[in-house]
Protein backbone atom coordinates (compact mmCIF):
# COMPACT_ATOMS: atom_id res chain seq x y z
CA MET A 1 -0.81 -8.95 -16.70
CA THR A 2 -0.09 -9.80 -20.36
CA PHE A 3 1.87 -12.94 -21.18
CA ASP A 4 3.20 -14.36 -24.38
CA SER A 5 1.87 -17.80 -25.31
CA GLU A 6 5.19 -19.62 -24.98
CA THR A 7 6.66 -21.14 -21.81
CA HIS A 8 10.42 -20.93 -21.27
CA THR A 9 12.92 -22.57 -18.92
CA THR A 10 15.87 -20.96 -17.14
CA THR A 11 17.98 -21.11 -13.97
CA ILE A 12 18.12 -18.21 -11.50
CA SER A 13 21.55 -16.92 -10.49
CA HIS A 14 20.62 -14.44 -7.73
CA LEU A 15 18.02 -11.93 -6.53
CA ASN A 16 18.01 -8.24 -7.40
CA HIS A 17 17.26 -5.58 -4.79
CA GLU A 18 13.52 -5.85 -5.56
CA GLY A 19 13.55 -9.57 -4.74
CA ARG A 20 13.10 -10.78 -8.32
CA GLY A 21 15.13 -13.66 -9.65
CA VAL A 22 17.85 -12.76 -12.14
CA ALA A 23 18.66 -14.92 -15.15
CA GLN A 24 20.84 -14.43 -18.23
CA ILE A 25 19.04 -15.61 -21.35
CA GLU A 26 20.93 -15.32 -24.62
CA GLY A 27 23.05 -12.55 -23.14
CA LYS A 28 20.08 -10.53 -21.92
CA VAL A 29 19.08 -10.00 -18.28
CA THR A 30 15.61 -11.22 -17.33
CA PHE A 31 13.97 -10.41 -13.99
CA ILE A 32 11.60 -13.19 -12.93
CA GLN A 33 8.98 -12.75 -10.22
CA ASN A 34 8.46 -15.61 -7.70
CA ALA A 35 11.82 -17.25 -8.46
CA LEU A 36 14.74 -17.81 -6.06
CA PRO A 37 18.49 -18.41 -6.58
CA GLN A 38 19.65 -21.78 -7.99
CA GLU A 39 16.10 -22.75 -8.95
CA THR A 40 15.31 -23.98 -12.45
CA VAL A 41 11.91 -22.60 -13.34
CA SER A 42 9.42 -22.52 -16.16
CA PHE A 43 8.24 -18.98 -16.83
CA LYS A 44 6.45 -16.69 -19.24
CA TYR A 45 7.54 -13.27 -20.33
CA THR A 46 5.37 -10.44 -19.03
CA LYS A 47 7.25 -7.47 -20.54
CA ARG A 48 9.97 -7.04 -23.15
CA HIS A 49 12.41 -4.14 -23.10
CA LYS A 50 15.46 -3.13 -25.08
CA ASN A 51 18.01 -3.87 -22.37
CA PHE A 52 16.15 -6.35 -20.14
CA ASP A 53 13.01 -8.47 -19.94
CA GLU A 54 10.55 -9.37 -17.20
CA GLY A 55 8.81 -12.65 -16.46
CA LEU A 56 6.77 -14.64 -13.97
CA ALA A 57 7.77 -18.09 -12.71
CA LEU A 58 5.03 -20.66 -13.24
CA GLU A 59 6.63 -23.80 -11.80
CA ILE A 60 9.79 -24.84 -9.96
CA LEU A 61 11.23 -27.62 -12.13
CA ASP A 62 14.41 -28.45 -10.21
CA ASN A 63 16.52 -27.54 -7.19
CA PRO A 64 13.99 -25.56 -5.09
CA ASN A 65 15.71 -23.08 -2.81
CA ALA A 66 15.93 -24.18 0.84
CA GLU A 67 14.55 -20.80 1.94
CA ARG A 68 11.36 -21.15 -0.15
CA VAL A 69 8.14 -21.14 1.90
CA THR A 70 4.41 -21.19 1.13
CA PRO A 71 3.00 -17.63 1.23
CA ALA A 72 0.35 -17.01 3.88
CA CYS A 73 -1.48 -14.42 1.79
CA PRO A 74 -4.18 -15.73 -0.61
CA HIS A 75 -3.67 -12.71 -2.90
CA VAL A 76 0.08 -13.06 -3.43
CA SER A 77 -0.23 -14.27 -7.04
CA HIS A 78 -1.69 -10.98 -8.28
CA CYS A 79 -1.12 -8.36 -5.56
CA ALA A 80 2.19 -6.49 -5.65
CA GLY A 81 1.91 -5.05 -2.15
CA CYS A 82 4.77 -7.34 -1.16
CA SER A 83 6.98 -9.49 -3.37
CA LEU A 84 8.90 -11.82 -1.06
CA GLN A 85 6.35 -13.92 0.79
CA HIS A 86 7.73 -17.00 -0.94
CA LEU A 87 11.07 -16.36 0.82
CA SER A 88 11.55 -17.17 4.51
CA THR A 89 11.90 -14.36 7.04
CA GLN A 90 15.60 -15.08 7.53
CA GLY A 91 16.04 -15.18 3.76
CA GLN A 92 14.41 -11.76 3.42
CA ILE A 93 16.63 -10.28 6.13
CA LYS A 94 19.73 -11.71 4.46
CA LEU A 95 18.65 -10.26 1.09
CA LYS A 96 18.14 -6.79 2.59
CA GLU A 97 21.52 -6.95 4.34
CA THR A 98 23.21 -7.94 1.08
CA THR A 99 21.42 -5.16 -0.79
CA LEU A 100 22.52 -2.62 1.82
CA LYS A 101 26.17 -3.69 1.51
CA GLU A 102 26.00 -3.58 -2.29
CA HIS A 103 24.52 -0.07 -2.27
CA PHE A 104 27.23 1.22 0.07
CA LYS A 105 29.84 -0.39 -2.18
CA HIS A 106 28.34 0.95 -5.41
CA PHE A 107 27.27 4.46 -4.39
CA ALA A 108 29.75 5.33 -1.61
CA GLU A 109 32.66 3.01 -2.41
CA LEU A 110 32.50 1.71 1.16
CA THR A 111 32.87 -1.93 2.17
CA LEU A 112 30.82 -3.03 5.17
CA ASP A 113 32.52 -6.04 6.74
CA ASP A 114 30.62 -6.32 10.02
CA VAL A 115 26.92 -5.50 10.24
CA GLU A 116 24.88 -5.73 13.42
CA PRO A 117 22.04 -8.29 13.27
CA ALA A 118 18.81 -6.82 11.94
CA ILE A 119 16.12 -5.98 14.47
CA HIS A 120 12.83 -7.61 13.58
CA LYS A 121 9.73 -8.89 15.29
CA ASN A 122 6.68 -10.03 13.35
CA SER A 123 6.76 -11.57 9.90
CA TYR A 124 3.14 -10.55 9.32
CA HIS A 125 0.96 -7.59 10.34
CA TYR A 126 4.03 -5.42 10.79
CA ARG A 127 3.37 -2.61 8.32
CA HIS A 128 2.11 0.54 10.07
CA LYS A 129 2.19 2.91 7.09
CA ALA A 130 0.84 2.27 3.60
CA ARG A 131 -0.66 3.95 0.56
CA LEU A 132 -3.73 2.09 -0.68
CA SER A 133 -4.93 2.65 -4.24
CA VAL A 134 -8.63 3.05 -4.98
CA LYS A 135 -10.44 2.26 -8.22
CA ASP A 136 -14.11 2.52 -9.07
CA VAL A 137 -14.61 -0.32 -11.56
CA LEU A 138 -17.72 0.54 -13.54
CA LYS A 139 -18.01 -2.83 -15.30
CA LYS A 140 -18.16 -4.61 -11.95
CA ASN A 141 -20.08 -1.84 -10.16
CA LYS A 142 -17.48 -2.26 -7.45
CA VAL A 143 -14.88 -0.17 -5.66
CA LEU A 144 -11.49 -1.82 -5.20
CA VAL A 145 -9.14 -0.82 -2.39
CA GLY A 146 -5.67 -2.31 -2.20
CA PHE A 147 -2.25 -2.35 -3.81
CA HIS A 148 -1.55 -2.44 -7.53
CA GLU A 149 -1.13 -5.71 -9.39
CA HIS A 150 2.33 -6.79 -10.54
CA ASN A 151 1.92 -5.09 -13.90
CA GLY A 152 1.15 -1.79 -12.19
CA ARG A 153 -1.92 -0.98 -14.30
CA TYR A 154 -4.75 -2.31 -12.15
CA VAL A 155 -5.68 -2.29 -8.49
CA SER A 156 -5.62 -5.78 -7.04
CA ASP A 157 -8.95 -7.22 -5.88
CA ILE A 158 -8.18 -8.20 -2.28
CA GLN A 159 -10.30 -8.83 0.81
CA SER A 160 -7.61 -8.51 3.48
CA CYS A 161 -3.88 -7.85 3.83
CA SER A 162 -1.57 -10.06 5.87
CA ILE A 163 1.21 -7.47 6.15
CA LEU A 164 -0.86 -4.49 7.33
CA ALA A 165 -0.94 -4.09 11.09
CA LYS A 166 -4.15 -4.84 12.92
CA PRO A 167 -6.89 -3.67 12.82
CA MET A 168 -6.36 -2.30 9.28
CA ASN A 169 -5.64 -5.74 7.83
CA ASP A 170 -9.33 -6.70 8.01
CA LYS A 171 -10.85 -3.33 7.04
CA ILE A 172 -10.18 -3.47 3.29
CA LEU A 173 -13.72 -4.50 2.30
CA VAL A 174 -15.33 -2.21 4.89
CA LEU A 175 -13.34 0.70 3.50
CA ALA A 176 -14.25 -0.17 -0.09
CA ASP A 177 -17.93 -0.38 0.86
CA GLN A 178 -17.79 3.04 2.51
CA ILE A 179 -16.18 4.67 -0.55
CA SER A 180 -18.86 3.13 -2.78
CA LYS A 181 -21.47 5.15 -0.86
CA LEU A 182 -19.85 8.50 -1.66
CA SER A 183 -20.84 10.77 -4.53
CA VAL A 184 -17.13 11.17 -5.38
CA ARG A 185 -16.33 7.44 -5.39
CA ALA A 186 -14.68 7.78 -8.81
CA PHE A 187 -12.51 10.70 -7.65
CA ILE A 188 -10.68 9.14 -4.70
CA PRO A 189 -7.42 7.73 -6.13
CA GLN A 190 -5.72 6.74 -2.88
CA ILE A 191 -5.86 6.48 0.89
CA GLU A 192 -2.88 6.90 3.19
CA VAL A 193 -2.83 4.61 6.23
CA ALA A 194 -0.98 5.36 9.47
CA ILE A 195 -1.26 3.12 12.53
CA SER A 196 0.03 3.88 16.01
CA ASP A 197 -0.34 1.91 19.23
CA GLN A 198 -3.68 3.57 19.97
CA GLU A 199 -4.95 5.06 16.72
CA LEU A 200 -5.66 4.18 13.10
CA ALA A 201 -5.66 7.23 10.81
CA LEU A 202 -6.88 7.31 7.20
CA VAL A 203 -6.11 10.17 4.79
CA PHE A 204 -8.57 10.28 1.88
CA ARG A 205 -7.13 11.92 -1.23
CA HIS A 206 -10.01 13.33 -3.32
CA VAL A 207 -9.77 15.34 -6.52
CA GLN A 208 -13.39 16.50 -6.48
CA PRO A 209 -15.12 18.30 -3.57
CA LEU A 210 -17.08 16.16 -1.14
CA THR A 211 -20.72 16.98 -0.53
CA GLN A 212 -22.00 17.54 2.99
CA GLU A 213 -23.72 14.15 2.75
CA ASP A 214 -20.31 12.64 1.94
CA LEU A 215 -18.77 14.36 4.97
CA PHE A 216 -21.39 13.07 7.37
CA SER A 217 -21.16 9.61 5.85
CA LEU A 218 -17.41 9.58 6.50
CA ILE A 219 -17.90 10.84 10.05
CA ASN A 220 -20.35 8.02 10.78
CA PHE A 221 -17.89 5.57 9.25
CA ALA A 222 -15.08 6.92 11.45
CA LYS A 223 -17.20 6.57 14.57
CA GLU A 224 -18.35 3.04 13.75
CA GLU A 225 -14.90 1.78 12.77
CA GLN A 226 -13.03 3.77 15.45
CA VAL A 227 -10.65 5.51 13.06
CA SER A 228 -9.48 9.09 12.59
CA VAL A 229 -10.22 10.51 9.13
CA TYR A 230 -8.29 13.21 7.27
CA LEU A 231 -9.06 14.71 3.87
CA GLN A 232 -6.54 15.75 1.23
CA PRO A 233 -8.32 17.73 -1.49
CA SER A 234 -5.66 17.82 -4.22
CA ALA A 235 -2.08 17.01 -5.12
CA LYS A 236 -1.14 20.66 -4.56
CA ASP A 237 -2.22 20.42 -0.93
CA LYS A 238 -0.22 17.37 0.12
CA ALA A 239 1.40 19.28 2.97
CA THR A 240 -1.96 20.21 4.50
CA GLU A 241 -4.51 17.59 5.43
CA THR A 242 -7.98 18.39 6.70
CA LEU A 243 -8.85 16.59 9.91
CA LEU A 244 -12.46 15.51 9.57
CA PHE A 245 -12.82 13.32 12.65
CA SER A 246 -10.42 12.47 15.47
CA LEU A 247 -10.67 9.73 18.07
CA PHE A 248 -8.49 11.77 20.41
CA PRO A 249 -9.31 15.48 19.97
CA GLU A 250 -7.86 16.20 23.40
CA ASN A 251 -4.40 15.31 22.05
CA LEU A 252 -4.45 17.92 19.29
CA LYS A 253 -1.99 20.78 19.73
CA LYS A 254 -3.18 24.36 19.44
CA SER A 255 -2.00 26.50 16.55
CA GLU A 256 -2.77 30.14 15.83
CA SER A 257 -3.12 29.64 12.07
CA SER A 258 -5.59 26.77 12.07
CA THR A 259 -9.29 26.82 11.44
CA LEU A 260 -12.09 24.99 13.17
CA LEU A 261 -15.06 24.04 11.00
CA LYS A 262 -18.35 23.51 12.81
CA LEU A 263 -21.42 21.98 11.22
CA TRP A 264 -24.83 22.71 12.67
CA PRO A 265 -27.43 20.07 11.67
CA GLN A 266 -30.72 21.58 10.55
CA ASP A 267 -33.85 20.25 8.89
CA GLY A 268 -33.40 17.22 6.67
CA LEU A 269 -30.02 17.01 4.96
CA ASN A 270 -29.42 20.76 4.87
CA HIS A 271 -26.44 21.94 6.88
CA ARG A 272 -24.50 25.16 7.09
CA ALA A 273 -20.89 25.71 8.08
CA ARG A 274 -19.20 28.44 10.05
CA SER A 275 -15.51 28.88 10.65
CA SER A 276 -13.52 30.72 13.28
CA LYS A 277 -9.85 31.11 14.12
CA ILE A 278 -8.90 28.46 16.67
CA CYS A 279 -6.80 25.30 17.05
CA THR A 280 -5.65 22.15 15.57
CA ILE A 281 -2.77 20.24 14.20
CA LYS A 282 -1.22 20.72 10.72
CA GLN A 283 -3.50 23.64 9.82
CA SER A 284 -6.34 21.15 9.65
CA LEU A 285 -10.09 21.46 9.79
CA MET A 286 -11.82 19.61 12.58
CA ILE A 287 -15.50 18.92 12.82
CA TYR A 288 -17.21 18.84 16.24
CA PHE A 289 -20.78 18.04 17.27
């Protein structure tokens, strides 16, 4: 994130729908990350635009908001996976309710007077779907897996995630280590995560073909970590994922148009593949042993 060298002071009037503090500075709107209503903060500009600016609060100088809390996540200062951990759970619910009412008013010209209380459970480890970015950082000889930083340019260097549901929250480094072993480590831009009550599924987007060694490496990873692994070869094929390994193959529904891919291990690392018309879900390819 790029800052100017000067520190400024302002008072926050309210939050926008993204959870950033809003301030009017010399007639221009400025959106300030990590700031809450009524707070007077010191901040630095992070981006300048024609009609608005963006900034990051550095210190609360006066009148801290009563709903301010200490974030539980150690990566909150640079990771943009979530932006409201400094606001209490009740404060977040109130913000989302207010945003919903404002959107109905603005887009549908409807006024919502009475809204049923929001249904919520856990404040952490509640997120069951996510898109994790992947970056092979050559200078560090390291693969990063996580969400983007606040400026959107870089992938945040995180070790865990306090909002992802278990067991995915503690698999960030394990996943990054596995990707670093692949020949296409520089050609995997993202991983989709989906978590149910009994299964953790990972969809690897790759823009270069995986070698057979890569495939078997991912299968071993899936077995060891008890996850189901899908492959998505290109942006054009988003509707069709390839099922590489499933924890629950007996649950897959049969489809006439799907293909089953079988690998027969032979000497050394040489393998050959055969395909035949048979089952699986979402026109996917499934590997059996």
